[in-house]
PDB file of all heavy atoms in Angstrom:
ATOM      1  N   ASP A   1      -8.359 150.618  70.351  1.00  0.00           N
ATOM      2  CA  ASP A   1      -9.683 151.175  70.083  1.00  0.00           C
ATOM      3  C   ASP A   1     -10.198 150.762  68.704  1.00  0.00           C
ATOM      4  O   ASP A   1     -11.082 151.406  68.139  1.00  0.00           O
ATOM      5  CB  ASP A   1      -9.650 152.701  70.200  1.00  0.00           C
ATOM      6  CG  ASP A   1      -8.661 153.339  69.222  1.00  0.00           C
ATOM      7  OD1 ASP A   1      -7.843 152.605  68.652  1.00  0.00           O
ATOM      8  OD2 ASP A   1      -8.721 154.573  69.042  1.00  0.00           O
ATOM      9  N   ASN A   2      -9.659 149.672  68.172  1.00  0.00           N
ATOM     10  CA  ASN A   2     -10.041 149.192  66.845  1.00  0.00           C
ATOM     11  C   ASN A   2     -11.548 148.920  66.788  1.00  0.00           C
ATOM     12  O   ASN A   2     -12.048 148.060  67.520  1.00  0.00           O
ATOM     13  CB  ASN A   2      -9.267 147.907  66.536  1.00  0.00           C
ATOM     14  CG  ASN A   2      -9.405 147.482  65.090  1.00  0.00           C
ATOM     15  OD1 ASN A   2     -10.474 147.569  64.506  1.00  0.00           O
ATOM     16  ND2 ASN A   2      -8.325 146.991  64.515  1.00  0.00           N
ATOM     17  N   PRO A   3     -12.278 149.613  65.929  1.00  0.00           N
ATOM     18  CA  PRO A   3     -13.739 149.446  65.890  1.00  0.00           C
ATOM     19  C   PRO A   3     -14.196 148.261  65.040  1.00  0.00           C
ATOM     20  O   PRO A   3     -15.390 147.994  64.961  1.00  0.00           O
ATOM     21  CB  PRO A   3     -14.205 150.759  65.264  1.00  0.00           C
ATOM     22  CG  PRO A   3     -13.091 151.134  64.343  1.00  0.00           C
ATOM     23  CD  PRO A   3     -11.823 150.701  65.030  1.00  0.00           C
ATOM     24  N   TYR A   4     -13.250 147.555  64.404  1.00  0.00           N
ATOM     25  CA  TYR A   4     -13.626 146.513  63.451  1.00  0.00           C
ATOM     26  C   TYR A   4     -13.246 145.095  63.874  1.00  0.00           C
ATOM     27  O   TYR A   4     -13.758 144.134  63.309  1.00  0.00           O
ATOM     28  CB  TYR A   4     -12.970 146.785  62.089  1.00  0.00           C
ATOM     29  CG  TYR A   4     -13.329 148.107  61.487  1.00  0.00           C
ATOM     30  CD1 TYR A   4     -12.381 149.120  61.379  1.00  0.00           C
ATOM     31  CD2 TYR A   4     -14.620 148.370  61.017  1.00  0.00           C
ATOM     32  CE1 TYR A   4     -12.699 150.352  60.828  1.00  0.00           C
ATOM     33  CE2 TYR A   4     -14.945 149.599  60.462  1.00  0.00           C
ATOM     34  CZ  TYR A   4     -13.978 150.584  60.369  1.00  0.00           C
ATOM     35  OH  TYR A   4     -14.304 151.795  59.820  1.00  0.00           O
ATOM     36  N   LEU A   5     -12.336 144.948  64.840  1.00  0.00           N
ATOM     37  CA  LEU A   5     -11.735 143.642  65.088  1.00  0.00           C
ATOM     38  C   LEU A   5     -12.745 142.571  65.481  1.00  0.00           C
ATOM     39  O   LEU A   5     -12.788 141.487  64.892  1.00  0.00           O
ATOM     40  CB  LEU A   5     -10.649 143.763  66.159  1.00  0.00           C
ATOM     41  CG  LEU A   5      -9.710 142.568  66.284  1.00  0.00           C
ATOM     42  CD1 LEU A   5      -8.971 142.314  64.982  1.00  0.00           C
ATOM     43  CD2 LEU A   5      -8.705 142.798  67.421  1.00  0.00           C
ATOM     44  N   SER A   6     -13.560 142.842  66.460  1.00  0.00           N
ATOM     45  CA  SER A   6     -14.541 141.838  66.899  1.00  0.00           C
ATOM     46  C   SER A   6     -15.530 141.509  65.786  1.00  0.00           C
ATOM     47  O   SER A   6     -15.868 140.338  65.561  1.00  0.00           O
ATOM     48  CB  SER A   6     -15.297 142.340  68.135  1.00  0.00           C
ATOM     49  OG  SER A   6     -14.434 142.497  69.226  1.00  0.00           O
ATOM     50  N   ASN A   7     -15.971 142.525  65.072  1.00  0.00           N
ATOM     51  CA  ASN A   7     -16.892 142.298  63.949  1.00  0.00           C
ATOM     52  C   ASN A   7     -16.236 141.470  62.851  1.00  0.00           C
ATOM     53  O   ASN A   7     -16.873 140.616  62.232  1.00  0.00           O
ATOM     54  CB  ASN A   7     -17.353 143.637  63.365  1.00  0.00           C
ATOM     55  CG  ASN A   7     -18.310 144.370  64.276  1.00  0.00           C
ATOM     56  OD1 ASN A   7     -19.003 143.763  65.084  1.00  0.00           O
ATOM     57  ND2 ASN A   7     -18.331 145.686  64.161  1.00  0.00           N
ATOM     58  N   PHE A   8     -14.945 141.715  62.626  1.00  0.00           N
ATOM     59  CA  PHE A   8     -14.224 140.979  61.586  1.00  0.00           C
ATOM     60  C   PHE A   8     -14.199 139.485  61.881  1.00  0.00           C
ATOM     61  O   PHE A   8     -14.480 138.661  61.005  1.00  0.00           O
ATOM     62  CB  PHE A   8     -12.803 141.513  61.463  1.00  0.00           C
ATOM     63  CG  PHE A   8     -11.910 140.651  60.622  1.00  0.00           C
ATOM     64  CD1 PHE A   8     -12.056 140.601  59.237  1.00  0.00           C
ATOM     65  CD2 PHE A   8     -10.916 139.873  61.208  1.00  0.00           C
ATOM     66  CE1 PHE A   8     -11.230 139.797  58.455  1.00  0.00           C
ATOM     67  CE2 PHE A   8     -10.092 139.074  60.441  1.00  0.00           C
ATOM     68  CZ  PHE A   8     -10.245 139.034  59.066  1.00  0.00           C
ATOM     69  N   TYR A   9     -13.856 139.111  63.097  1.00  0.00           N
ATOM     70  CA  TYR A   9     -13.781 137.682  63.422  1.00  0.00           C
ATOM     71  C   TYR A   9     -15.160 137.024  63.428  1.00  0.00           C
ATOM     72  O   TYR A   9     -15.275 135.811  63.253  1.00  0.00           O
ATOM     73  CB  TYR A   9     -13.068 137.473  64.760  1.00  0.00           C
ATOM     74  CG  TYR A   9     -11.575 137.670  64.652  1.00  0.00           C
ATOM     75  CD1 TYR A   9     -10.907 138.608  65.444  1.00  0.00           C
ATOM     76  CD2 TYR A   9     -10.823 136.931  63.747  1.00  0.00           C
ATOM     77  CE1 TYR A   9      -9.535 138.800  65.329  1.00  0.00           C
ATOM     78  CE2 TYR A   9      -9.458 137.117  63.621  1.00  0.00           C
ATOM     79  CZ  TYR A   9      -8.824 138.042  64.416  1.00  0.00           C
ATOM     80  OH  TYR A   9      -7.467 138.232  64.293  1.00  0.00           O
ATOM     81  N   ALA A  10     -16.201 137.827  63.593  1.00  0.00           N
ATOM     82  CA  ALA A  10     -17.557 137.286  63.532  1.00  0.00           C
ATOM     83  C   ALA A  10     -18.064 137.164  62.092  1.00  0.00           C
ATOM     84  O   ALA A  10     -18.851 136.280  61.771  1.00  0.00           O
ATOM     85  CB  ALA A  10     -18.512 138.162  64.342  1.00  0.00           C
ATOM     86  N   ASP A  11     -17.595 138.063  61.208  1.00  0.00           N
ATOM     87  CA  ASP A  11     -18.035 138.064  59.802  1.00  0.00           C
ATOM     88  C   ASP A  11     -16.899 138.630  58.948  1.00  0.00           C
ATOM     89  O   ASP A  11     -16.880 139.804  58.606  1.00  0.00           O
ATOM     90  CB  ASP A  11     -19.300 138.923  59.661  1.00  0.00           C
ATOM     91  CG  ASP A  11     -19.917 138.827  58.259  1.00  0.00           C
ATOM     92  OD1 ASP A  11     -19.285 138.227  57.364  1.00  0.00           O
ATOM     93  OD2 ASP A  11     -21.019 139.374  58.067  1.00  0.00           O
ATOM     94  N   MET A  12     -15.941 137.769  58.602  1.00  0.00           N
ATOM     95  CA  MET A  12     -14.708 138.217  57.957  1.00  0.00           C
ATOM     96  C   MET A  12     -14.939 138.876  56.599  1.00  0.00           C
ATOM     97  O   MET A  12     -14.329 139.896  56.280  1.00  0.00           O
ATOM     98  CB  MET A  12     -13.724 137.048  57.814  1.00  0.00           C
ATOM     99  CG  MET A  12     -13.144 136.568  59.123  1.00  0.00           C
ATOM    100  SD  MET A  12     -11.893 135.277  58.853  1.00  0.00           S
ATOM    101  CE  MET A  12     -11.273 135.076  60.522  1.00  0.00           C
ATOM    102  N   SER A  13     -15.792 138.287  55.789  1.00  0.00           N
ATOM    103  CA  SER A  13     -15.990 138.821  54.443  1.00  0.00           C
ATOM    104  C   SER A  13     -16.615 140.217  54.471  1.00  0.00           C
ATOM    105  O   SER A  13     -16.333 141.052  53.607  1.00  0.00           O
ATOM    106  CB  SER A  13     -16.855 137.870  53.607  1.00  0.00           C
ATOM    107  OG  SER A  13     -18.125 137.693  54.196  1.00  0.00           O
ATOM    108  N   ARG A  14     -17.448 140.479  55.446  1.00  0.00           N
ATOM    109  CA  ARG A  14     -18.105 141.785  55.553  1.00  0.00           C
ATOM    110  C   ARG A  14     -17.128 142.879  55.970  1.00  0.00           C
ATOM    111  O   ARG A  14     -17.193 144.012  55.474  1.00  0.00           O
ATOM    112  CB  ARG A  14     -19.277 141.702  56.548  1.00  0.00           C
ATOM    113  CG  ARG A  14     -19.833 143.042  57.018  1.00  0.00           C
ATOM    114  CD  ARG A  14     -20.468 143.856  55.880  1.00  0.00           C
ATOM    115  NE  ARG A  14     -20.959 145.142  56.345  1.00  0.00           N
ATOM    116  CZ  ARG A  14     -20.215 146.249  56.455  1.00  0.00           C
ATOM    117  NH1 ARG A  14     -18.921 146.209  56.163  1.00  0.00           N
ATOM    118  NH2 ARG A  14     -20.753 147.380  56.891  1.00  0.00           N
ATOM    119  N   TRP A  15     -16.198 142.548  56.878  1.00  0.00           N
ATOM    120  CA  TRP A  15     -15.379 143.576  57.497  1.00  0.00           C
ATOM    121  C   TRP A  15     -13.908 143.536  57.085  1.00  0.00           C
ATOM    122  O   TRP A  15     -13.109 144.327  57.596  1.00  0.00           O
ATOM    123  CB  TRP A  15     -15.483 143.459  59.027  1.00  0.00           C
ATOM    124  CG  TRP A  15     -16.867 143.713  59.527  1.00  0.00           C
ATOM    125  CD1 TRP A  15     -17.793 142.788  59.908  1.00  0.00           C
ATOM    126  CD2 TRP A  15     -17.503 144.983  59.663  1.00  0.00           C
ATOM    127  NE1 TRP A  15     -18.964 143.394  60.287  1.00  0.00           N
ATOM    128  CE2 TRP A  15     -18.813 144.754  60.147  1.00  0.00           C
ATOM    129  CE3 TRP A  15     -17.094 146.295  59.432  1.00  0.00           C
ATOM    130  CZ2 TRP A  15     -19.705 145.788  60.398  1.00  0.00           C
ATOM    131  CZ3 TRP A  15     -17.978 147.323  59.687  1.00  0.00           C
ATOM    132  CH2 TRP A  15     -19.272 147.065  60.165  1.00  0.00           C
ATOM    133  N   ALA A  16     -13.541 142.662  56.164  1.00  0.00           N
ATOM    134  CA  ALA A  16     -12.124 142.483  55.807  1.00  0.00           C
ATOM    135  C   ALA A  16     -11.474 143.775  55.320  1.00  0.00           C
ATOM    136  O   ALA A  16     -10.406 144.172  55.807  1.00  0.00           O
ATOM    137  CB  ALA A  16     -11.981 141.386  54.757  1.00  0.00           C
ATOM    138  N   LEU A  17     -12.075 144.428  54.336  1.00  0.00           N
ATOM    139  CA  LEU A  17     -11.464 145.628  53.778  1.00  0.00           C
ATOM    140  C   LEU A  17     -11.423 146.752  54.813  1.00  0.00           C
ATOM    141  O   LEU A  17     -10.409 147.457  54.939  1.00  0.00           O
ATOM    142  CB  LEU A  17     -12.217 146.089  52.533  1.00  0.00           C
ATOM    143  CG  LEU A  17     -11.629 147.318  51.824  1.00  0.00           C
ATOM    144  CD1 LEU A  17     -10.200 147.050  51.362  1.00  0.00           C
ATOM    145  CD2 LEU A  17     -12.502 147.740  50.649  1.00  0.00           C
ATOM    146  N   ASN A  18     -12.497 146.935  55.554  1.00  0.00           N
ATOM    147  CA  ASN A  18     -12.532 147.970  56.594  1.00  0.00           C
ATOM    148  C   ASN A  18     -11.374 147.792  57.575  1.00  0.00           C
ATOM    149  O   ASN A  18     -10.666 148.747  57.910  1.00  0.00           O
ATOM    150  CB  ASN A  18     -13.851 147.913  57.376  1.00  0.00           C
ATOM    151  CG  ASN A  18     -15.070 148.043  56.501  1.00  0.00           C
ATOM    152  OD1 ASN A  18     -15.340 147.173  55.677  1.00  0.00           O
ATOM    153  ND2 ASN A  18     -15.817 149.124  56.664  1.00  0.00           N
ATOM    154  N   LEU A  19     -11.211 146.554  58.036  1.00  0.00           N
ATOM    155  CA  LEU A  19     -10.176 146.272  59.027  1.00  0.00           C
ATOM    156  C   LEU A  19      -8.785 146.541  58.476  1.00  0.00           C
ATOM    157  O   LEU A  19      -7.959 147.182  59.132  1.00  0.00           O
ATOM    158  CB  LEU A  19     -10.277 144.809  59.475  1.00  0.00           C
ATOM    159  CG  LEU A  19      -9.231 144.370  60.505  1.00  0.00           C
ATOM    160  CD1 LEU A  19      -9.491 145.041  61.845  1.00  0.00           C
ATOM    161  CD2 LEU A  19      -9.231 142.847  60.653  1.00  0.00           C
ATOM    162  N   GLN A  20      -8.522 146.080  57.264  1.00  0.00           N
ATOM    163  CA  GLN A  20      -7.182 146.217  56.709  1.00  0.00           C
ATOM    164  C   GLN A  20      -6.843 147.669  56.347  1.00  0.00           C
ATOM    165  O   GLN A  20      -5.702 148.090  56.487  1.00  0.00           O
ATOM    166  CB  GLN A  20      -7.024 145.293  55.494  1.00  0.00           C
ATOM    167  CG  GLN A  20      -7.087 143.811  55.828  1.00  0.00           C
ATOM    168  CD  GLN A  20      -6.073 143.406  56.890  1.00  0.00           C
ATOM    169  OE1 GLN A  20      -4.952 143.911  56.928  1.00  0.00           O
ATOM    170  NE2 GLN A  20      -6.465 142.483  57.756  1.00  0.00           N
ATOM    171  N   ILE A  21      -7.811 148.425  55.904  1.00  0.00           N
ATOM    172  CA  ILE A  21      -7.578 149.849  55.655  1.00  0.00           C
ATOM    173  C   ILE A  21      -7.274 150.571  56.969  1.00  0.00           C
ATOM    174  O   ILE A  21      -6.400 151.452  57.041  1.00  0.00           O
ATOM    175  CB  ILE A  21      -8.793 150.503  54.961  1.00  0.00           C
ATOM    176  CG1 ILE A  21      -8.974 149.941  53.547  1.00  0.00           C
ATOM    177  CG2 ILE A  21      -8.641 152.017  54.931  1.00  0.00           C
ATOM    178  CD1 ILE A  21      -7.852 150.283  52.595  1.00  0.00           C
ATOM    179  N   TYR A  22      -7.972 150.187  58.011  1.00  0.00           N
ATOM    180  CA  TYR A  22      -7.730 150.752  59.337  1.00  0.00           C
ATOM    181  C   TYR A  22      -6.287 150.494  59.774  1.00  0.00           C
ATOM    182  O   TYR A  22      -5.569 151.404  60.189  1.00  0.00           O
ATOM    183  CB  TYR A  22      -8.709 150.147  60.342  1.00  0.00           C
ATOM    184  CG  TYR A  22      -8.483 150.559  61.774  1.00  0.00           C
ATOM    185  CD1 TYR A  22      -9.067 151.713  62.285  1.00  0.00           C
ATOM    186  CD2 TYR A  22      -7.686 149.790  62.619  1.00  0.00           C
ATOM    187  CE1 TYR A  22      -8.857 152.096  63.608  1.00  0.00           C
ATOM    188  CE2 TYR A  22      -7.467 150.163  63.938  1.00  0.00           C
ATOM    189  CZ  TYR A  22      -8.053 151.311  64.425  1.00  0.00           C
ATOM    190  OH  TYR A  22      -7.838 151.684  65.731  1.00  0.00           O
ATOM    191  N   PHE A  23      -5.846 149.222  59.668  1.00  0.00           N
ATOM    192  CA  PHE A  23      -4.474 148.871  60.041  1.00  0.00           C
ATOM    193  C   PHE A  23      -3.460 149.628  59.191  1.00  0.00           C
ATOM    194  O   PHE A  23      -2.464 150.154  59.696  1.00  0.00           O
ATOM    195  CB  PHE A  23      -4.243 147.372  59.877  1.00  0.00           C
ATOM    196  CG  PHE A  23      -4.824 146.524  60.977  1.00  0.00           C
ATOM    197  CD1 PHE A  23      -5.399 145.297  60.694  1.00  0.00           C
ATOM    198  CD2 PHE A  23      -4.782 146.936  62.298  1.00  0.00           C
ATOM    199  CE1 PHE A  23      -5.922 144.504  61.700  1.00  0.00           C
ATOM    200  CE2 PHE A  23      -5.303 146.160  63.319  1.00  0.00           C
ATOM    201  CZ  PHE A  23      -5.880 144.929  63.013  1.00  0.00           C
ATOM    202  N   LEU A  24      -3.688 149.657  57.884  1.00  0.00           N
ATOM    203  CA  LEU A  24      -2.757 150.287  56.967  1.00  0.00           C
ATOM    204  C   LEU A  24      -2.560 151.765  57.307  1.00  0.00           C
ATOM    205  O   LEU A  24      -1.425 152.269  57.351  1.00  0.00           O
ATOM    206  CB  LEU A  24      -3.252 150.133  55.529  1.00  0.00           C
ATOM    207  CG  LEU A  24      -2.379 150.722  54.424  1.00  0.00           C
ATOM    208  CD1 LEU A  24      -1.023 150.044  54.387  1.00  0.00           C
ATOM    209  CD2 LEU A  24      -3.082 150.599  53.068  1.00  0.00           C
ATOM    210  N   THR A  25      -3.644 152.451  57.566  1.00  0.00           N
ATOM    211  CA  THR A  25      -3.581 153.879  57.870  1.00  0.00           C
ATOM    212  C   THR A  25      -2.834 154.138  59.176  1.00  0.00           C
ATOM    213  O   THR A  25      -1.963 155.012  59.256  1.00  0.00           O
ATOM    214  CB  THR A  25      -5.000 154.475  57.960  1.00  0.00           C
ATOM    215  OG1 THR A  25      -5.696 154.202  56.746  1.00  0.00           O
ATOM    216  CG2 THR A  25      -4.946 155.966  58.183  1.00  0.00           C
ATOM    217  N   ARG A  26      -3.160 153.362  60.205  1.00  0.00           N
ATOM    218  CA  ARG A  26      -2.505 153.541  61.499  1.00  0.00           C
ATOM    219  C   ARG A  26      -1.006 153.263  61.401  1.00  0.00           C
ATOM    220  O   ARG A  26      -0.187 154.013  61.942  1.00  0.00           O
ATOM    221  CB  ARG A  26      -3.146 152.612  62.536  1.00  0.00           C
ATOM    222  CG  ARG A  26      -4.526 153.038  63.016  1.00  0.00           C
ATOM    223  CD  ARG A  26      -4.454 154.364  63.786  1.00  0.00           C
ATOM    224  NE  ARG A  26      -5.717 154.729  64.370  1.00  0.00           N
ATOM    225  CZ  ARG A  26      -6.082 154.445  65.625  1.00  0.00           C
ATOM    226  NH1 ARG A  26      -5.266 153.781  66.407  1.00  0.00           N
ATOM    227  NH2 ARG A  26      -7.253 154.830  66.077  1.00  0.00           N
ATOM    228  N   ARG A  27      -0.641 152.183  60.738  1.00  0.00           N
ATOM    229  CA  ARG A  27       0.779 151.812  60.667  1.00  0.00           C
ATOM    230  C   ARG A  27       1.567 152.807  59.810  1.00  0.00           C
ATOM    231  O   ARG A  27       2.725 153.112  60.103  1.00  0.00           O
ATOM    232  CB  ARG A  27       0.925 150.390  60.146  1.00  0.00           C
ATOM    233  CG  ARG A  27       0.270 149.351  61.049  1.00  0.00           C
ATOM    234  CD  ARG A  27       0.782 147.963  60.791  1.00  0.00           C
ATOM    235  NE  ARG A  27      -0.215 146.948  61.044  1.00  0.00           N
ATOM    236  CZ  ARG A  27      -0.606 146.527  62.252  1.00  0.00           C
ATOM    237  NH1 ARG A  27      -0.076 147.065  63.333  1.00  0.00           N
ATOM    238  NH2 ARG A  27      -1.530 145.584  62.366  1.00  0.00           N
ATOM    239  N   PHE A  28       0.950 153.286  58.743  1.00  0.00           N
ATOM    240  CA  PHE A  28       1.613 154.269  57.892  1.00  0.00           C
ATOM    241  C   PHE A  28       1.949 155.531  58.687  1.00  0.00           C
ATOM    242  O   PHE A  28       3.065 156.057  58.619  1.00  0.00           O
ATOM    243  CB  PHE A  28       0.714 154.612  56.709  1.00  0.00           C
ATOM    244  CG  PHE A  28       1.242 155.707  55.827  1.00  0.00           C
ATOM    245  CD1 PHE A  28       2.297 155.474  54.960  1.00  0.00           C
ATOM    246  CD2 PHE A  28       0.676 156.978  55.866  1.00  0.00           C
ATOM    247  CE1 PHE A  28       2.785 156.490  54.141  1.00  0.00           C
ATOM    248  CE2 PHE A  28       1.154 157.992  55.049  1.00  0.00           C
ATOM    249  CZ  PHE A  28       2.217 157.747  54.190  1.00  0.00           C
ATOM    250  N   LYS A  29       0.999 156.021  59.443  1.00  0.00           N
ATOM    251  CA  LYS A  29       1.232 157.219  60.247  1.00  0.00           C
ATOM    252  C   LYS A  29       2.332 156.979  61.286  1.00  0.00           C
ATOM    253  O   LYS A  29       3.187 157.850  61.515  1.00  0.00           O
ATOM    254  CB  LYS A  29      -0.064 157.640  60.952  1.00  0.00           C
ATOM    255  CG  LYS A  29      -1.133 158.192  60.028  1.00  0.00           C
ATOM    256  CD  LYS A  29      -2.381 158.573  60.819  1.00  0.00           C
ATOM    257  CE  LYS A  29      -3.447 159.181  59.911  1.00  0.00           C
ATOM    258  NZ  LYS A  29      -4.679 159.526  60.674  1.00  0.00           N
ATOM    259  N   ALA A  30       2.328 155.800  61.892  1.00  0.00           N
ATOM    260  CA  ALA A  30       3.332 155.481  62.903  1.00  0.00           C
ATOM    261  C   ALA A  30       4.729 155.406  62.307  1.00  0.00           C
ATOM    262  O   ALA A  30       5.708 155.879  62.905  1.00  0.00           O
ATOM    263  CB  ALA A  30       2.983 154.161  63.585  1.00  0.00           C
ATOM    264  N   VAL A  31       4.849 154.812  61.123  1.00  0.00           N
ATOM    265  CA  VAL A  31       6.157 154.710  60.465  1.00  0.00           C
ATOM    266  C   VAL A  31       6.681 156.096  60.093  1.00  0.00           C
ATOM    267  O   VAL A  31       7.867 156.391  60.256  1.00  0.00           O
ATOM    268  CB  VAL A  31       6.072 153.811  59.221  1.00  0.00           C
ATOM    269  CG1 VAL A  31       7.361 153.891  58.409  1.00  0.00           C
ATOM    270  CG2 VAL A  31       5.799 152.367  59.625  1.00  0.00           C
ATOM    271  N   GLN A  32       5.822 156.946  59.606  1.00  0.00           N
ATOM    272  CA  GLN A  32       6.247 158.310  59.269  1.00  0.00           C
ATOM    273  C   GLN A  32       6.833 159.018  60.483  1.00  0.00           C
ATOM    274  O   GLN A  32       7.868 159.690  60.385  1.00  0.00           O
ATOM    275  CB  GLN A  32       5.065 159.100  58.720  1.00  0.00           C
ATOM    276  CG  GLN A  32       4.702 158.786  57.273  1.00  0.00           C
ATOM    277  CD  GLN A  32       3.698 159.769  56.727  1.00  0.00           C
ATOM    278  OE1 GLN A  32       2.694 160.064  57.355  1.00  0.00           O
ATOM    279  NE2 GLN A  32       3.968 160.298  55.538  1.00  0.00           N
ATOM    280  N   ARG A  33       6.182 158.856  61.630  1.00  0.00           N
ATOM    281  CA  ARG A  33       6.690 159.496  62.847  1.00  0.00           C
ATOM    282  C   ARG A  33       8.020 158.887  63.277  1.00  0.00           C
ATOM    283  O   ARG A  33       8.958 159.587  63.649  1.00  0.00           O
ATOM    284  CB  ARG A  33       5.661 159.381  63.969  1.00  0.00           C
ATOM    285  CG  ARG A  33       4.399 160.208  63.755  1.00  0.00           C
ATOM    286  CD  ARG A  33       3.539 160.238  65.002  1.00  0.00           C
ATOM    287  NE  ARG A  33       2.993 158.931  65.311  1.00  0.00           N
ATOM    288  CZ  ARG A  33       1.807 158.489  64.900  1.00  0.00           C
ATOM    289  NH1 ARG A  33       1.048 159.270  64.136  1.00  0.00           N
ATOM    290  NH2 ARG A  33       1.365 157.297  65.241  1.00  0.00           N
ATOM    291  N   ALA A  34       8.111 157.560  63.212  1.00  0.00           N
ATOM    292  CA  ALA A  34       9.314 156.864  63.676  1.00  0.00           C
ATOM    293  C   ALA A  34      10.523 157.150  62.801  1.00  0.00           C
ATOM    294  O   ALA A  34      11.659 157.211  63.284  1.00  0.00           O
ATOM    295  CB  ALA A  34       9.042 155.361  63.728  1.00  0.00           C
ATOM    296  N   MET A  35      10.303 157.311  61.496  1.00  0.00           N
ATOM    297  CA  MET A  35      11.406 157.549  60.567  1.00  0.00           C
ATOM    298  C   MET A  35      12.208 158.789  60.917  1.00  0.00           C
ATOM    299  O   MET A  35      13.417 158.854  60.666  1.00  0.00           O
ATOM    300  CB  MET A  35      10.860 157.677  59.138  1.00  0.00           C
ATOM    301  CG  MET A  35      10.513 156.369  58.471  1.00  0.00           C
ATOM    302  SD  MET A  35       9.680 156.622  56.870  1.00  0.00           S
ATOM    303  CE  MET A  35      10.838 157.697  56.021  1.00  0.00           C
TER     304      MET A  35
END
């Protein structure tokens, strides 16, 4: 349900930070649960 991926590949400089913050937050939460 990533809301940024398609926009990122169309305009990387505009959406780069949004996309990476999204990934970082999701992965952090997942690692906490898995630990």
